PDB file of N, CA and C in Angstrom:
ATOM      1  N   UNK A   1      37.363 -20.041  86.449  1.00  0.00           N
ATOM      2  CA  UNK A   1      38.405 -20.078  87.441  1.00  0.00           C
ATOM      3  C   UNK A   1      39.372 -18.926  87.150  1.00  0.00           C
ATOM      4  N   UNK A   2      39.719 -18.171  88.173  1.00  0.00           N
ATOM      5  CA  UNK A   2      40.605 -17.022  87.987  1.00  0.00           C
ATOM      6  C   UNK A   2      42.062 -17.475  87.871  1.00  0.00           C
ATOM      7  N   UNK A   3      42.900 -16.564  87.423  1.00  0.00           N
ATOM      8  CA  UNK A   3      44.327 -16.875  87.319  1.00  0.00           C
ATOM      9  C   UNK A   3      44.919 -17.231  88.672  1.00  0.00           C
ATOM     10  N   UNK A   4      44.495 -16.550  89.733  1.00  0.00           N
ATOM     11  CA  UNK A   4      45.030 -16.872  91.058  1.00  0.00           C
ATOM     12  C   UNK A   4      44.544 -18.242  91.526  1.00  0.00           C
ATOM     13  N   UNK A   5      43.303 -18.618  91.162  1.00  0.00           N
ATOM     14  CA  UNK A   5      42.807 -19.961  91.471  1.00  0.00           C
ATOM     15  C   UNK A   5      43.613 -21.014  90.725  1.00  0.00           C
ATOM     16  N   UNK A   6      43.896 -20.731  89.449  1.00  0.00           N
ATOM     17  CA  UNK A   6      44.695 -21.664  88.649  1.00  0.00           C
ATOM     18  C   UNK A   6      46.089 -21.837  89.245  1.00  0.00           C
ATOM     19  N   UNK A   7      46.711 -20.734  89.643  1.00  0.00           N
ATOM     20  CA  UNK A   7      48.052 -20.797  90.226  1.00  0.00           C
ATOM     21  C   UNK A   7      48.041 -21.597  91.518  1.00  0.00           C
ATOM     22  N   UNK A   8      47.036 -21.358  92.363  1.00  0.00           N
ATOM     23  CA  UNK A   8      46.934 -22.100  93.624  1.00  0.00           C
ATOM     24  C   UNK A   8      46.786 -23.600  93.362  1.00  0.00           C
ATOM     25  N   UNK A   9      45.950 -23.970  92.406  1.00  0.00           N
ATOM     26  CA  UNK A   9      45.749 -25.371  92.069  1.00  0.00           C
ATOM     27  C   UNK A   9      47.046 -26.004  91.560  1.00  0.00           C
ATOM     28  N   UNK A  10      47.748 -25.307  90.689  1.00  0.00           N
ATOM     29  CA  UNK A  10      49.020 -25.811  90.159  1.00  0.00           C
ATOM     30  C   UNK A  10      50.045 -25.931  91.278  1.00  0.00           C
ATOM     31  N   UNK A  11      50.107 -24.930  92.145  1.00  0.00           N
ATOM     32  CA  UNK A  11      51.053 -24.984  93.268  1.00  0.00           C
ATOM     33  C   UNK A  11      50.767 -26.169  94.177  1.00  0.00           C
ATOM     34  N   UNK A  12      49.494 -26.415  94.466  1.00  0.00           N
ATOM     35  CA  UNK A  12      49.121 -27.564  95.298  1.00  0.00           C
ATOM     36  C   UNK A  12      49.493 -28.879  94.621  1.00  0.00           C
ATOM     37  N   UNK A  13      49.287 -28.955  93.313  1.00  0.00           N
ATOM     38  CA  UNK A  13      49.648 -30.164  92.564  1.00  0.00           C
ATOM     39  C   UNK A  13      51.154 -30.396  92.626  1.00  0.00           C
ATOM     40  N   UNK A  14      51.936 -29.338  92.429  1.00  0.00           N
ATOM     41  CA  UNK A  14      53.396 -29.471  92.438  1.00  0.00           C
ATOM     42  C   UNK A  14      53.922 -29.882  93.809  1.00  0.00           C
ATOM     43  N   UNK A  15      53.332 -29.358  94.874  1.00  0.00           N
ATOM     44  CA  UNK A  15      53.729 -29.771  96.219  1.00  0.00           C
ATOM     45  C   UNK A  15      53.454 -31.267  96.400  1.00  0.00           C
ATOM     46  N   UNK A  16      52.284 -31.714  95.986  1.00  0.00           N
ATOM     47  CA  UNK A  16      51.955 -33.140  96.091  1.00  0.00           C
ATOM     48  C   UNK A  16      52.889 -33.977  95.220  1.00  0.00           C
ATOM     49  N   UNK A  17      53.153 -33.530  94.005  1.00  0.00           N
ATOM     50  CA  UNK A  17      54.045 -34.248  93.082  1.00  0.00           C
ATOM     51  C   UNK A  17      55.437 -34.378  93.683  1.00  0.00           C
ATOM     52  N   UNK A  18      55.978 -33.287  94.178  1.00  0.00           N
ATOM     53  CA  UNK A  18      57.331 -33.293  94.730  1.00  0.00           C
ATOM     54  C   UNK A  18      57.438 -34.072  96.031  1.00  0.00           C
ATOM     55  N   UNK A  19      56.296 -34.321  96.676  1.00  0.00           N
ATOM     56  CA  UNK A  19      56.257 -35.107  97.908  1.00  0.00           C
ATOM     57  C   UNK A  19      55.911 -36.572  97.633  1.00  0.00           C
ATOM     58  N   UNK A  20      55.798 -36.927  96.350  1.00  0.00           N
ATOM     59  CA  UNK A  20      55.394 -38.284  95.948  1.00  0.00           C
ATOM     60  C   UNK A  20      54.046 -38.659  96.562  1.00  0.00           C
ATOM     61  N   UNK A  21      53.157 -37.665  96.687  1.00  0.00           N
ATOM     62  CA  UNK A  21      51.822 -37.841  97.261  1.00  0.00           C
ATOM     63  C   UNK A  21      50.826 -38.065  96.129  1.00  0.00           C
ATOM     64  N   UNK A  22      50.734 -39.304  95.676  1.00  0.00           N
ATOM     65  CA  UNK A  22      49.861 -39.634  94.537  1.00  0.00           C
ATOM     66  C   UNK A  22      48.402 -39.326  94.857  1.00  0.00           C
ATOM     67  N   UNK A  23      47.949 -39.695  96.058  1.00  0.00           N
ATOM     68  CA  UNK A  23      46.558 -39.415  96.431  1.00  0.00           C
ATOM     69  C   UNK A  23      46.283 -37.917  96.418  1.00  0.00           C
ATOM     70  N   UNK A  24      47.245 -37.125  96.910  1.00  0.00           N
ATOM     71  CA  UNK A  24      47.090 -35.666  96.891  1.00  0.00           C
ATOM     72  C   UNK A  24      47.030 -35.118  95.484  1.00  0.00           C
ATOM     73  N   UNK A  25      47.828 -35.685  94.584  1.00  0.00           N
ATOM     74  CA  UNK A  25      47.806 -35.258  93.182  1.00  0.00           C
ATOM     75  C   UNK A  25      46.465 -35.584  92.551  1.00  0.00           C
ATOM     76  N   UNK A  26      46.035 -36.822  92.733  1.00  0.00           N
ATOM     77  CA  UNK A  26      44.798 -37.270  92.095  1.00  0.00           C
ATOM     78  C   UNK A  26      43.575 -36.552  92.649  1.00  0.00           C
ATOM     79  N   UNK A  27      43.623 -36.130  93.909  1.00  0.00           N
ATOM     80  CA  UNK A  27      42.491 -35.427  94.517  1.00  0.00           C
ATOM     81  C   UNK A  27      42.231 -34.090  93.821  1.00  0.00           C
ATOM     82  N   UNK A  28      43.246 -33.543  93.161  1.00  0.00           N
ATOM     83  CA  UNK A  28      43.116 -32.249  92.494  1.00  0.00           C
ATOM     84  C   UNK A  28      42.664 -32.374  91.040  1.00  0.00           C
ATOM     85  N   UNK A  29      42.578 -33.594  90.530  1.00  0.00           N
ATOM     86  CA  UNK A  29      42.239 -33.815  89.125  1.00  0.00           C
ATOM     87  C   UNK A  29      40.799 -34.274  88.973  1.00  0.00           C
ATOM     88  N   UNK A  30      40.248 -34.055  87.807  1.00  0.00           N
ATOM     89  CA  UNK A  30      38.920 -34.543  87.471  1.00  0.00           C
ATOM     90  C   UNK A  30      38.926 -36.072  87.477  1.00  0.00           C
ATOM     91  N   UNK A  31      37.805 -36.671  87.800  1.00  0.00           N
ATOM     92  CA  UNK A  31      37.724 -38.139  87.872  1.00  0.00           C
ATOM     93  C   UNK A  31      37.980 -38.797  86.519  1.00  0.00           C
ATOM     94  N   UNK A  32      37.839 -38.050  85.421  1.00  0.00           N
ATOM     95  CA  UNK A  32      38.057 -38.626  84.096  1.00  0.00           C
ATOM     96  C   UNK A  32      39.500 -38.600  83.637  1.00  0.00           C
ATOM     97  N   UNK A  33      40.388 -38.029  84.455  1.00  0.00           N
ATOM     98  CA  UNK A  33      41.802 -37.934  84.074  1.00  0.00           C
ATOM     99  C   UNK A  33      42.485 -39.262  84.344  1.00  0.00           C
ATOM    100  N   UNK A  34      43.300 -39.685  83.402  1.00  0.00           N
ATOM    101  CA  UNK A  34      44.085 -40.909  83.565  1.00  0.00           C
ATOM    102  C   UNK A  34      45.542 -40.498  83.787  1.00  0.00           C
ATOM    103  N   UNK A  35      46.098 -40.910  84.916  1.00  0.00           N
ATOM    104  CA  UNK A  35      47.473 -40.566  85.258  1.00  0.00           C
ATOM    105  C   UNK A  35      48.394 -41.690  84.818  1.00  0.00           C
ATOM    106  N   UNK A  36      49.403 -41.350  84.010  1.00  0.00           N
ATOM    107  CA  UNK A  36      50.414 -42.315  83.590  1.00  0.00           C
ATOM    108  C   UNK A  36      51.776 -41.680  83.776  1.00  0.00           C
ATOM    109  N   UNK A  37      52.727 -42.451  84.229  1.00  0.00           N
ATOM    110  CA  UNK A  37      54.081 -41.968  84.440  1.00  0.00           C
ATOM    111  C   UNK A  37      54.992 -42.625  83.410  1.00  0.00           C
ATOM    112  N   UNK A  38      55.567 -41.816  82.545  1.00  0.00           N
ATOM    113  CA  UNK A  38      56.501 -42.294  81.531  1.00  0.00           C
ATOM    114  C   UNK A  38      57.919 -41.930  81.936  1.00  0.00           C
ATOM    115  N   UNK A  39      58.782 -42.917  81.947  1.00  0.00           N
ATOM    116  CA  UNK A  39      60.176 -42.681  82.315  1.00  0.00           C
ATOM    117  C   UNK A  39      61.049 -43.636  81.524  1.00  0.00           C
ATOM    118  N   UNK A  40      62.046 -43.118  80.844  1.00  0.00           N
ATOM    119  CA  UNK A  40      62.944 -43.964  80.073  1.00  0.00           C
ATOM    120  C   UNK A  40      62.246 -44.743  78.985  1.00  0.00           C
ATOM    121  N   UNK A  41      61.173 -44.174  78.427  1.00  0.00           N
ATOM    122  CA  UNK A  41      60.451 -44.831  77.349  1.00  0.00           C
ATOM    123  C   UNK A  41      59.482 -45.917  77.800  1.00  0.00           C
ATOM    124  N   UNK A  42      59.298 -46.077  79.119  1.00  0.00           N
ATOM    125  CA  UNK A  42      58.393 -47.094  79.632  1.00  0.00           C
ATOM    126  C   UNK A  42      57.324 -46.437  80.513  1.00  0.00           C
ATOM    127  N   UNK A  43      56.155 -47.068  80.552  1.00  0.00           N
ATOM    128  CA  UNK A  43      55.069 -46.621  81.422  1.00  0.00           C
ATOM    129  C   UNK A  43      55.199 -47.306  82.774  1.00  0.00           C
ATOM    130  N   UNK A  44      55.082 -46.522  83.835  1.00  0.00           N
ATOM    131  CA  UNK A  44      55.173 -47.073  85.192  1.00  0.00           C
ATOM    132  C   UNK A  44      53.888 -46.856  85.922  1.00  0.00           C
TER     133      UNK A  44
END
């Protein structure tokens, strides 16, 4: 994957993250990735 491909993927992830679009975020990740949200010392 080229640097421009990596940047595009990261940019797409950040747009989804900032839009609270969990499905959009997960669509960009490998199926083996486990998403966990840590906030204030707790997992959400």
